[in-house]
Protein backbone atom coordinates (compact mmCIF):
# COMPACT_ATOMS: atom_id res chain seq x y z
CA MET A 1 23.23 1.97 -29.37
CA ARG A 2 21.41 4.96 -30.78
CA ARG A 3 18.39 4.31 -28.53
CA LEU A 4 20.66 4.21 -25.50
CA ALA A 5 22.11 7.60 -26.38
CA VAL A 6 18.62 9.07 -26.84
CA ALA A 7 17.51 7.63 -23.49
CA ALA A 8 20.59 9.07 -21.78
CA LEU A 9 19.91 12.50 -23.27
CA ALA A 10 16.26 12.34 -22.21
CA LEU A 11 17.27 11.44 -18.65
CA ALA A 12 19.81 14.25 -18.55
CA ALA A 13 17.11 16.69 -19.62
CA LEU A 14 14.90 15.85 -16.62
CA PRO A 15 15.08 18.29 -13.74
CA ALA A 16 17.24 17.09 -10.86
CA ALA A 17 14.22 17.06 -8.54
CA ALA A 18 12.38 14.66 -10.83
CA GLN A 19 15.40 12.37 -11.02
CA GLN A 20 15.75 12.26 -7.23
CA GLN A 21 12.06 11.69 -6.59
CA TYR A 22 12.45 7.95 -6.85
CA ALA A 23 14.95 5.65 -5.22
CA SER A 24 15.72 2.27 -6.71
CA HIS A 25 14.74 -0.71 -4.59
CA ASP A 26 15.01 -4.24 -5.92
CA ALA A 27 14.56 -3.06 -9.52
CA TYR A 28 11.35 -1.19 -8.66
CA ARG A 29 10.88 2.54 -8.50
CA VAL A 30 9.72 3.54 -5.07
CA CYS A 31 9.13 6.89 -3.45
CA GLN A 32 11.63 8.26 -1.00
CA PRO A 33 10.35 8.56 2.58
CA ALA A 34 10.33 12.37 2.44
CA MET A 35 8.17 12.37 -0.69
CA THR A 36 5.79 9.84 0.87
CA SER A 37 5.50 11.94 4.02
CA GLN A 38 4.75 15.03 1.94
CA GLY A 39 2.18 13.08 -0.04
CA LEU A 40 0.40 11.89 3.09
CA GLN A 41 0.17 15.50 4.27
CA VAL A 42 -0.99 16.77 0.86
CA VAL A 43 -3.96 14.37 0.66
CA GLU A 44 -4.84 14.32 4.37
CA ASP A 45 -7.55 16.99 4.16
CA ALA A 46 -9.21 15.36 1.16
CA CYS A 47 -8.71 11.69 1.98
CA GLY A 48 -8.04 11.41 5.69
CA THR A 49 -5.37 9.44 7.49
CA LEU A 50 -4.85 5.68 7.36
CA HIS A 51 -3.98 3.75 10.50
CA SER A 52 -2.60 0.34 9.64
CA PRO A 53 -3.36 -2.65 11.85
CA ASP A 54 -0.21 -4.37 13.08
CA PHE A 55 -0.35 -8.12 12.77
CA SER A 56 3.43 -8.56 12.76
CA ARG A 57 3.42 -10.05 16.26
CA ALA A 58 -0.07 -11.50 16.21
CA HIS A 59 -0.51 -14.80 18.01
CA PHE A 60 -4.13 -15.88 18.02
CA ALA A 61 -5.20 -17.81 21.09
CA SER A 62 -8.70 -18.58 19.85
CA LEU A 63 -10.79 -18.82 16.74
CA SER A 64 -12.72 -15.71 17.80
CA GLU A 65 -9.47 -13.71 17.99
CA LEU A 66 -8.56 -14.88 14.51
CA GLU A 67 -11.99 -13.96 13.14
CA LYS A 68 -11.85 -10.53 14.78
CA ALA A 69 -8.40 -9.90 13.28
CA ARG A 70 -9.60 -11.09 9.88
CA ALA A 71 -12.49 -8.62 10.03
CA THR A 72 -9.97 -5.89 10.92
CA ARG A 73 -7.81 -6.87 7.93
CA GLU A 74 -10.81 -6.82 5.60
CA ALA A 75 -11.98 -3.45 6.88
CA PHE A 76 -8.49 -2.04 6.42
CA THR A 77 -8.07 -3.30 2.86
CA ASP A 78 -11.50 -1.83 2.04
CA GLU A 79 -10.37 1.45 3.60
CA VAL A 80 -7.22 1.39 1.45
CA ASP A 81 -9.39 0.90 -1.66
CA THR A 82 -11.49 3.93 -0.69
CA TYR A 83 -8.35 5.93 0.12
CA GLY A 84 -6.83 5.00 -3.24
CA ALA A 85 -9.94 6.17 -5.09
CA CYS A 86 -9.82 9.45 -3.19
CA VAL A 87 -6.13 9.95 -3.98
CA SER A 88 -6.80 9.20 -7.66
CA ALA A 89 -9.53 11.85 -7.66
CA PHE A 90 -7.10 14.26 -5.99
CA ILE A 91 -4.49 13.59 -8.68
CA ASN A 92 -7.08 13.96 -11.44
CA SER A 93 -8.09 17.35 -10.02
CA TYR A 94 -4.68 18.57 -11.19
CA ARG A 95 -5.43 17.49 -14.76
CA ARG A 96 -8.05 20.15 -15.36
CA PRO A 97 -7.60 23.33 -17.37
CA GLY A 98 -6.05 26.06 -15.28
CA ALA A 99 -4.44 23.71 -12.75
CA PRO A 100 -0.77 24.42 -12.06
CA ALA A 101 1.26 22.11 -14.31
CA ASP A 102 4.37 22.42 -12.18
CA SER A 103 2.79 21.42 -8.86
CA PRO A 104 4.49 18.52 -7.06
CA ALA A 105 1.17 17.59 -5.38
CA PRO A 106 0.11 14.87 -7.88
CA ASP A 107 3.47 13.09 -7.60
CA GLN A 108 3.41 13.42 -3.83
CA ALA A 109 -0.14 12.07 -3.74
CA ALA A 110 0.93 9.12 -5.89
CA CYS A 111 3.56 8.33 -3.26
CA ALA A 112 0.86 8.42 -0.57
CA HIS A 113 -1.20 5.98 -2.64
CA ALA A 114 1.78 3.65 -3.09
CA TRP A 115 2.42 3.79 0.67
CA ALA A 116 -1.21 2.90 1.39
CA GLU A 117 -1.05 -0.10 -0.94
CA ASP A 118 2.17 -1.21 0.75
CA GLN A 119 0.43 -0.98 4.14
CA ALA A 120 -2.43 -3.15 2.88
CA THR A 121 0.01 -5.69 1.46
CA GLN A 122 1.91 -5.85 4.75
CA ALA A 123 -1.29 -6.27 6.76
CA VAL A 124 -2.38 -9.16 4.50
CA ARG A 125 1.04 -10.83 4.74
CA ASP A 126 1.35 -10.50 8.50
CA PHE A 127 -2.22 -11.65 9.14
CA GLY A 128 -1.66 -14.59 6.78
CA LYS A 129 1.44 -15.71 8.65
CA ALA A 130 -0.31 -15.49 12.03
CA CYS A 131 -3.36 -17.29 10.61
CA ILE A 132 -1.25 -20.15 9.25
CA ASP A 133 0.47 -20.40 12.62
CA PHE A 134 -2.93 -20.65 14.33
CA SER A 135 -4.13 -23.20 11.79
CA ASN A 136 -1.09 -25.39 12.38
CA ARG A 137 -1.45 -25.13 16.17
CA SER A 138 -5.20 -25.79 16.02
CA PHE A 139 -4.59 -29.25 14.56
CA MET A 140 -2.10 -30.13 17.29
CA ASP A 141 -3.73 -28.49 20.32
CA LYS A 142 -7.11 -29.87 21.39
CA SER A 143 -7.84 -26.70 23.36
CA LEU A 144 -8.07 -24.75 20.09
CA SER A 145 -10.95 -24.99 17.65
CA PRO A 146 -9.55 -26.40 14.40
CA TRP A 147 -9.11 -23.86 11.63
CA SER A 148 -8.87 -24.87 8.02
CA GLY A 149 -10.17 -21.70 6.40
CA GLU A 150 -8.40 -19.29 4.10
CA CYS A 151 -5.63 -17.17 5.58
CA TYR A 152 -5.21 -14.94 2.53
CA PRO A 153 -7.94 -13.19 0.54
CA ALA A 154 -8.77 -14.67 -2.82
CA ALA A 155 -7.09 -12.81 -5.67
CA SER A 156 -9.53 -10.79 -7.71
CA SER A 157 -9.20 -9.42 -11.20
CA GLY A 158 -9.88 -5.89 -9.91
CA ARG A 159 -6.66 -5.65 -7.91
CA GLY A 160 -3.49 -5.97 -9.95
């Protein structure tokens, strides 16, 4: 009970802006759209702009289309890795002596990084669904080259 009271006092002591920075979503803390948008703008000069491939309506008509889309997915996830490293360097630049301690830029940049990771996750999911659809059709339709490859990248220890 005492811990709960201490936690409540600590939360009450946080500035209102810090409390509103995150919105609860399925028990996870996520950035609000406005904070994400600000973060994307804050890191744009240093890290560039990401353009996510849209596989949500993908319907591969051939093995070559699938392979081309897979290469696009791989290139995008590599780009997100590079972007994430850049954003981390941007955030770390605010941890040096003399940097403004009250700047919202590191938190905004963290939201941009979270957004980028979400984009990569969505691209992998949507490609995977379209790939499985193609794989299933390729075993039933003789006009399609059979596909029995991987539709999702192998999990690596480097990506949580």
